[in-house]
């Protein structure tokens, strides 16, 4: 497992993910539709088969990164690309509670680290929102305007620095 050095482990039960057998080549960004990482984790834990949901990471309002699923396992977050992607949730509520500067900074640092770990380009073909990564899920509005994917990518391209300066 790759453990993000700047995160906290809060692993979900193993039955909330699957063995990973495909190389990861995509990072998918999400917003939780809840105000805290703890509320997202509670939602994940309460989900039941066959509709369990999970994410590899969740970033709280203060920028704390929680690792929820081993990166060697498949999280269930974007049906069409689960097997080949890493999921990053952001505690925010679409149209009501936007992502904070601290979350942008943490997200950019995490994306930069993962792109380096996976040896993939840090660009819009390899880092995208749920709505674009898995359009059949019909998650229209995940992430824009609550979370600007372009802002995360731009800051990640400079090593994760400068996300706060890029905030609107």
C-alpha atoms as a PDB file:
ATOM      1  CA  UNK A   1       0.000   0.000   0.000  1.00  0.00           C
ATOM      2  CA  UNK A   2       1.091   3.531  -0.701  1.00  0.00           C
ATOM      3  CA  UNK A   3       0.416   5.573   2.392  1.00  0.00           C
ATOM      4  CA  UNK A   4       0.224   9.310   1.870  1.00  0.00           C
ATOM      5  CA  UNK A   5       2.886  10.732   4.199  1.00  0.00           C
ATOM      6  CA  UNK A   6       0.805  13.806   5.097  1.00  0.00           C
ATOM      7  CA  UNK A   7      -2.450  11.973   5.815  1.00  0.00           C
ATOM      8  CA  UNK A   8      -4.122  10.125   8.666  1.00  0.00           C
ATOM      9  CA  UNK A   9      -5.201   6.497   8.337  1.00  0.00           C
ATOM     10  CA  UNK A  10      -8.894   5.846   8.986  1.00  0.00           C
ATOM     11  CA  UNK A  11      -9.363   2.669   6.951  1.00  0.00           C
ATOM     12  CA  UNK A  12     -12.835   1.413   6.087  1.00  0.00           C
ATOM     13  CA  UNK A  13     -13.633  -2.294   6.557  1.00  0.00           C
ATOM     14  CA  UNK A  14     -12.234  -4.462   3.752  1.00  0.00           C
ATOM     15  CA  UNK A  15     -15.730  -5.277   2.483  1.00  0.00           C
ATOM     16  CA  UNK A  16     -16.009  -1.642   1.320  1.00  0.00           C
ATOM     17  CA  UNK A  17     -13.421  -2.183  -1.425  1.00  0.00           C
ATOM     18  CA  UNK A  18     -12.081  -4.932  -3.666  1.00  0.00           C
ATOM     19  CA  UNK A  19      -8.704  -6.415  -4.510  1.00  0.00           C
ATOM     20  CA  UNK A  20      -6.976  -4.220  -7.061  1.00  0.00           C
ATOM     21  CA  UNK A  21      -5.489  -5.886 -10.104  1.00  0.00           C
ATOM     22  CA  UNK A  22      -5.347  -3.054 -12.641  1.00  0.00           C
ATOM     23  CA  UNK A  23      -2.713  -0.329 -12.764  1.00  0.00           C
ATOM     24  CA  UNK A  24      -4.054   3.047 -11.660  1.00  0.00           C
ATOM     25  CA  UNK A  25      -3.835   5.768 -14.314  1.00  0.00           C
ATOM     26  CA  UNK A  26      -6.504   8.215 -13.201  1.00  0.00           C
ATOM     27  CA  UNK A  27      -7.307  10.425 -10.196  1.00  0.00           C
ATOM     28  CA  UNK A  28     -11.010  11.185  -9.711  1.00  0.00           C
ATOM     29  CA  UNK A  29     -12.075  14.164  -7.599  1.00  0.00           C
ATOM     30  CA  UNK A  30     -15.406  14.252  -5.761  1.00  0.00           C
ATOM     31  CA  UNK A  31     -17.390  16.373  -3.310  1.00  0.00           C
ATOM     32  CA  UNK A  32     -19.082  14.544  -0.443  1.00  0.00           C
ATOM     33  CA  UNK A  33     -22.423  16.377  -0.192  1.00  0.00           C
ATOM     34  CA  UNK A  34     -21.719  16.513   3.553  1.00  0.00           C
ATOM     35  CA  UNK A  35     -20.012  19.081   5.776  1.00  0.00           C
ATOM     36  CA  UNK A  36     -17.176  16.968   7.223  1.00  0.00           C
ATOM     37  CA  UNK A  37     -14.889  14.064   6.426  1.00  0.00           C
ATOM     38  CA  UNK A  38     -16.376  12.274   9.427  1.00  0.00           C
ATOM     39  CA  UNK A  39     -19.880  12.521   7.942  1.00  0.00           C
ATOM     40  CA  UNK A  40     -18.575  11.106   4.649  1.00  0.00           C
ATOM     41  CA  UNK A  41     -16.849   8.245   6.452  1.00  0.00           C
ATOM     42  CA  UNK A  42     -20.062   7.498   8.360  1.00  0.00           C
ATOM     43  CA  UNK A  43     -21.980   7.406   5.059  1.00  0.00           C
ATOM     44  CA  UNK A  44     -19.423   5.007   3.579  1.00  0.00           C
ATOM     45  CA  UNK A  45     -19.569   2.742   6.645  1.00  0.00           C
ATOM     46  CA  UNK A  46     -23.388   2.719   6.585  1.00  0.00           C
ATOM     47  CA  UNK A  47     -23.571   1.712   2.914  1.00  0.00           C
ATOM     48  CA  UNK A  48     -24.589  -1.907   2.391  1.00  0.00           C
ATOM     49  CA  UNK A  49     -24.127  -4.502  -0.334  1.00  0.00           C
ATOM     50  CA  UNK A  50     -24.665  -4.423  -3.209  1.00  0.00           C
ATOM     51  CA  UNK A  51     -24.424  -0.619  -3.112  1.00  0.00           C
ATOM     52  CA  UNK A  52     -21.395  -0.020  -0.917  1.00  0.00           C
ATOM     53  CA  UNK A  53     -19.462   3.149  -1.610  1.00  0.00           C
ATOM     54  CA  UNK A  54     -15.955   4.220  -0.686  1.00  0.00           C
ATOM     55  CA  UNK A  55     -13.059   6.474  -1.608  1.00  0.00           C
ATOM     56  CA  UNK A  56      -9.324   6.189  -1.111  1.00  0.00           C
ATOM     57  CA  UNK A  57      -9.068   9.630   0.523  1.00  0.00           C
ATOM     58  CA  UNK A  58     -11.275  12.311   2.034  1.00  0.00           C
ATOM     59  CA  UNK A  59     -10.086  15.869   2.668  1.00  0.00           C
ATOM     60  CA  UNK A  60     -11.747  17.662   5.588  1.00  0.00           C
ATOM     61  CA  UNK A  61     -12.601  21.378   5.714  1.00  0.00           C
ATOM     62  CA  UNK A  62      -9.344  22.180   7.560  1.00  0.00           C
ATOM     63  CA  UNK A  63      -7.232  20.381   4.935  1.00  0.00           C
ATOM     64  CA  UNK A  64      -6.678  17.191   6.937  1.00  0.00           C
ATOM     65  CA  UNK A  65      -6.318  14.238   4.557  1.00  0.00           C
ATOM     66  CA  UNK A  66      -7.805  10.926   5.713  1.00  0.00           C
ATOM     67  CA  UNK A  67      -6.839   7.719   3.924  1.00  0.00           C
ATOM     68  CA  UNK A  68      -9.872   5.419   3.916  1.00  0.00           C
ATOM     69  CA  UNK A  69      -8.925   2.643   1.478  1.00  0.00           C
ATOM     70  CA  UNK A  70      -5.586   0.989   0.764  1.00  0.00           C
ATOM     71  CA  UNK A  71      -4.380   2.356  -2.567  1.00  0.00           C
ATOM     72  CA  UNK A  72      -3.693  -1.198  -3.711  1.00  0.00           C
ATOM     73  CA  UNK A  73      -7.429  -1.901  -3.455  1.00  0.00           C
ATOM     74  CA  UNK A  74     -10.314  -0.710  -5.625  1.00  0.00           C
ATOM     75  CA  UNK A  75     -12.623   1.854  -4.025  1.00  0.00           C
ATOM     76  CA  UNK A  76     -16.220   2.055  -5.242  1.00  0.00           C
ATOM     77  CA  UNK A  77     -16.763   5.671  -6.258  1.00  0.00           C
ATOM     78  CA  UNK A  78     -17.146   6.088 -10.045  1.00  0.00           C
ATOM     79  CA  UNK A  79     -18.534   2.931 -11.593  1.00  0.00           C
ATOM     80  CA  UNK A  80     -16.920   3.113 -15.018  1.00  0.00           C
ATOM     81  CA  UNK A  81     -13.388   3.767 -13.730  1.00  0.00           C
ATOM     82  CA  UNK A  82     -13.237   2.275 -10.223  1.00  0.00           C
ATOM     83  CA  UNK A  83     -10.597  -0.330 -11.065  1.00  0.00           C
ATOM     84  CA  UNK A  84      -8.124   2.081 -12.637  1.00  0.00           C
ATOM     85  CA  UNK A  85      -8.535   5.155 -10.458  1.00  0.00           C
ATOM     86  CA  UNK A  86      -7.778   6.735  -7.106  1.00  0.00           C
ATOM     87  CA  UNK A  87     -10.710   8.556  -5.468  1.00  0.00           C
ATOM     88  CA  UNK A  88     -10.317  11.813  -3.541  1.00  0.00           C
ATOM     89  CA  UNK A  89     -13.411  13.176  -1.767  1.00  0.00           C
ATOM     90  CA  UNK A  90     -13.662  16.753  -0.484  1.00  0.00           C
ATOM     91  CA  UNK A  91     -15.993  17.571   2.432  1.00  0.00           C
ATOM     92  CA  UNK A  92     -18.287  20.106   0.765  1.00  0.00           C
ATOM     93  CA  UNK A  93     -21.911  20.520  -0.261  1.00  0.00           C
ATOM     94  CA  UNK A  94     -22.594  21.226  -3.946  1.00  0.00           C
ATOM     95  CA  UNK A  95     -23.843  24.783  -4.552  1.00  0.00           C
ATOM     96  CA  UNK A  96     -23.938  25.495  -0.782  1.00  0.00           C
ATOM     97  CA  UNK A  97     -20.617  24.823   0.972  1.00  0.00           C
ATOM     98  CA  UNK A  98     -17.641  25.241  -1.383  1.00  0.00           C
ATOM     99  CA  UNK A  99     -14.211  23.729  -0.951  1.00  0.00           C
ATOM    100  CA  UNK A 100     -11.932  25.763   1.356  1.00  0.00           C
ATOM    101  CA  UNK A 101      -8.471  27.149   0.618  1.00  0.00           C
ATOM    102  CA  UNK A 102      -7.034  24.529   3.001  1.00  0.00           C
ATOM    103  CA  UNK A 103      -8.776  21.772   1.023  1.00  0.00           C
ATOM    104  CA  UNK A 104      -7.454  23.129  -2.280  1.00  0.00           C
ATOM    105  CA  UNK A 105      -3.909  23.160  -0.899  1.00  0.00           C
ATOM    106  CA  UNK A 106      -4.234  19.632   0.515  1.00  0.00           C
ATOM    107  CA  UNK A 107      -5.867  18.325  -2.659  1.00  0.00           C
ATOM    108  CA  UNK A 108      -3.164  19.820  -4.886  1.00  0.00           C
ATOM    109  CA  UNK A 109      -0.422  18.313  -2.719  1.00  0.00           C
ATOM    110  CA  UNK A 110      -2.130  14.901  -2.713  1.00  0.00           C
ATOM    111  CA  UNK A 111      -2.724  14.967  -6.484  1.00  0.00           C
ATOM    112  CA  UNK A 112       0.899  16.008  -7.130  1.00  0.00           C
ATOM    113  CA  UNK A 113       2.135  13.189  -4.883  1.00  0.00           C
ATOM    114  CA  UNK A 114      -0.121  10.619  -6.548  1.00  0.00           C
ATOM    115  CA  UNK A 115       0.767  11.623 -10.075  1.00  0.00           C
ATOM    116  CA  UNK A 116       4.440  11.218  -9.130  1.00  0.00           C
ATOM    117  CA  UNK A 117       3.753   7.862  -7.411  1.00  0.00           C
ATOM    118  CA  UNK A 118       1.735   6.553 -10.363  1.00  0.00           C
ATOM    119  CA  UNK A 119       4.082   8.120 -12.900  1.00  0.00           C
ATOM    120  CA  UNK A 120       1.201   9.713 -14.777  1.00  0.00           C
ATOM    121  CA  UNK A 121       0.931  13.253 -16.152  1.00  0.00           C
ATOM    122  CA  UNK A 122      -0.768  15.797 -13.925  1.00  0.00           C
ATOM    123  CA  UNK A 123      -3.279  17.011 -16.504  1.00  0.00           C
ATOM    124  CA  UNK A 124      -6.989  16.983 -17.272  1.00  0.00           C
ATOM    125  CA  UNK A 125      -6.741  13.606 -19.013  1.00  0.00           C
ATOM    126  CA  UNK A 126      -5.483  11.956 -15.813  1.00  0.00           C
ATOM    127  CA  UNK A 127      -7.110  14.107 -13.100  1.00  0.00           C
ATOM    128  CA  UNK A 128     -10.826  14.838 -13.430  1.00  0.00           C
ATOM    129  CA  UNK A 129     -14.125  15.200 -11.641  1.00  0.00           C
ATOM    130  CA  UNK A 130     -16.564  12.334 -11.168  1.00  0.00           C
ATOM    131  CA  UNK A 131     -19.000  13.760 -13.722  1.00  0.00           C
ATOM    132  CA  UNK A 132     -16.388  13.503 -16.472  1.00  0.00           C
ATOM    133  CA  UNK A 133     -14.691  10.283 -15.340  1.00  0.00           C
ATOM    134  CA  UNK A 134     -17.905   8.250 -15.232  1.00  0.00           C
ATOM    135  CA  UNK A 135     -20.667  10.152 -17.081  1.00  0.00           C
ATOM    136  CA  UNK A 136     -23.123   7.236 -16.910  1.00  0.00           C
ATOM    137  CA  UNK A 137     -23.320   7.792 -13.132  1.00  0.00           C
ATOM    138  CA  UNK A 138     -25.091  11.100 -13.896  1.00  0.00           C
ATOM    139  CA  UNK A 139     -23.222  13.045 -11.235  1.00  0.00           C
ATOM    140  CA  UNK A 140     -23.788  16.320 -13.049  1.00  0.00           C
ATOM    141  CA  UNK A 141     -22.186  19.127 -11.088  1.00  0.00           C
ATOM    142  CA  UNK A 142     -19.627  16.943  -9.309  1.00  0.00           C
ATOM    143  CA  UNK A 143     -17.372  18.879  -8.946  1.00  0.00           C
ATOM    144  CA  UNK A 144     -17.942  22.299 -10.562  1.00  0.00           C
ATOM    145  CA  UNK A 145     -18.579  24.933  -9.221  1.00  0.00           C
ATOM    146  CA  UNK A 146     -18.143  23.621  -5.659  1.00  0.00           C
ATOM    147  CA  UNK A 147     -14.644  22.331  -6.495  1.00  0.00           C
ATOM    148  CA  UNK A 148     -12.584  23.653  -9.411  1.00  0.00           C
ATOM    149  CA  UNK A 149     -10.745  20.686 -10.910  1.00  0.00           C
ATOM    150  CA  UNK A 150      -8.639  23.046 -13.045  1.00  0.00           C
ATOM    151  CA  UNK A 151      -7.522  24.922  -9.909  1.00  0.00           C
ATOM    152  CA  UNK A 152      -6.415  21.659  -8.263  1.00  0.00           C
ATOM    153  CA  UNK A 153      -4.532  20.554 -11.382  1.00  0.00           C
ATOM    154  CA  UNK A 154      -2.856  23.958 -11.800  1.00  0.00           C
ATOM    155  CA  UNK A 155      -1.607  23.983  -8.223  1.00  0.00           C
ATOM    156  CA  UNK A 156      -0.578  20.317  -8.379  1.00  0.00           C
ATOM    157  CA  UNK A 157       1.495  21.004 -11.490  1.00  0.00           C
ATOM    158  CA  UNK A 158       3.701  23.280  -9.412  1.00  0.00           C
ATOM    159  CA  UNK A 159       4.183  20.607  -6.768  1.00  0.00           C
ATOM    160  CA  UNK A 160       1.016  21.244  -4.819  1.00  0.00           C
ATOM    161  CA  UNK A 161       2.110  24.742  -3.816  1.00  0.00           C
ATOM    162  CA  UNK A 162       0.070  27.853  -4.387  1.00  0.00           C
ATOM    163  CA  UNK A 163      -3.441  26.437  -4.094  1.00  0.00           C
ATOM    164  CA  UNK A 164      -4.444  29.070  -1.530  1.00  0.00           C
ATOM    165  CA  UNK A 165      -3.175  31.854  -3.752  1.00  0.00           C
ATOM    166  CA  UNK A 166      -5.265  30.437  -6.591  1.00  0.00           C
ATOM    167  CA  UNK A 167      -8.515  30.401  -4.596  1.00  0.00           C
ATOM    168  CA  UNK A 168     -11.224  32.750  -5.837  1.00  0.00           C
END
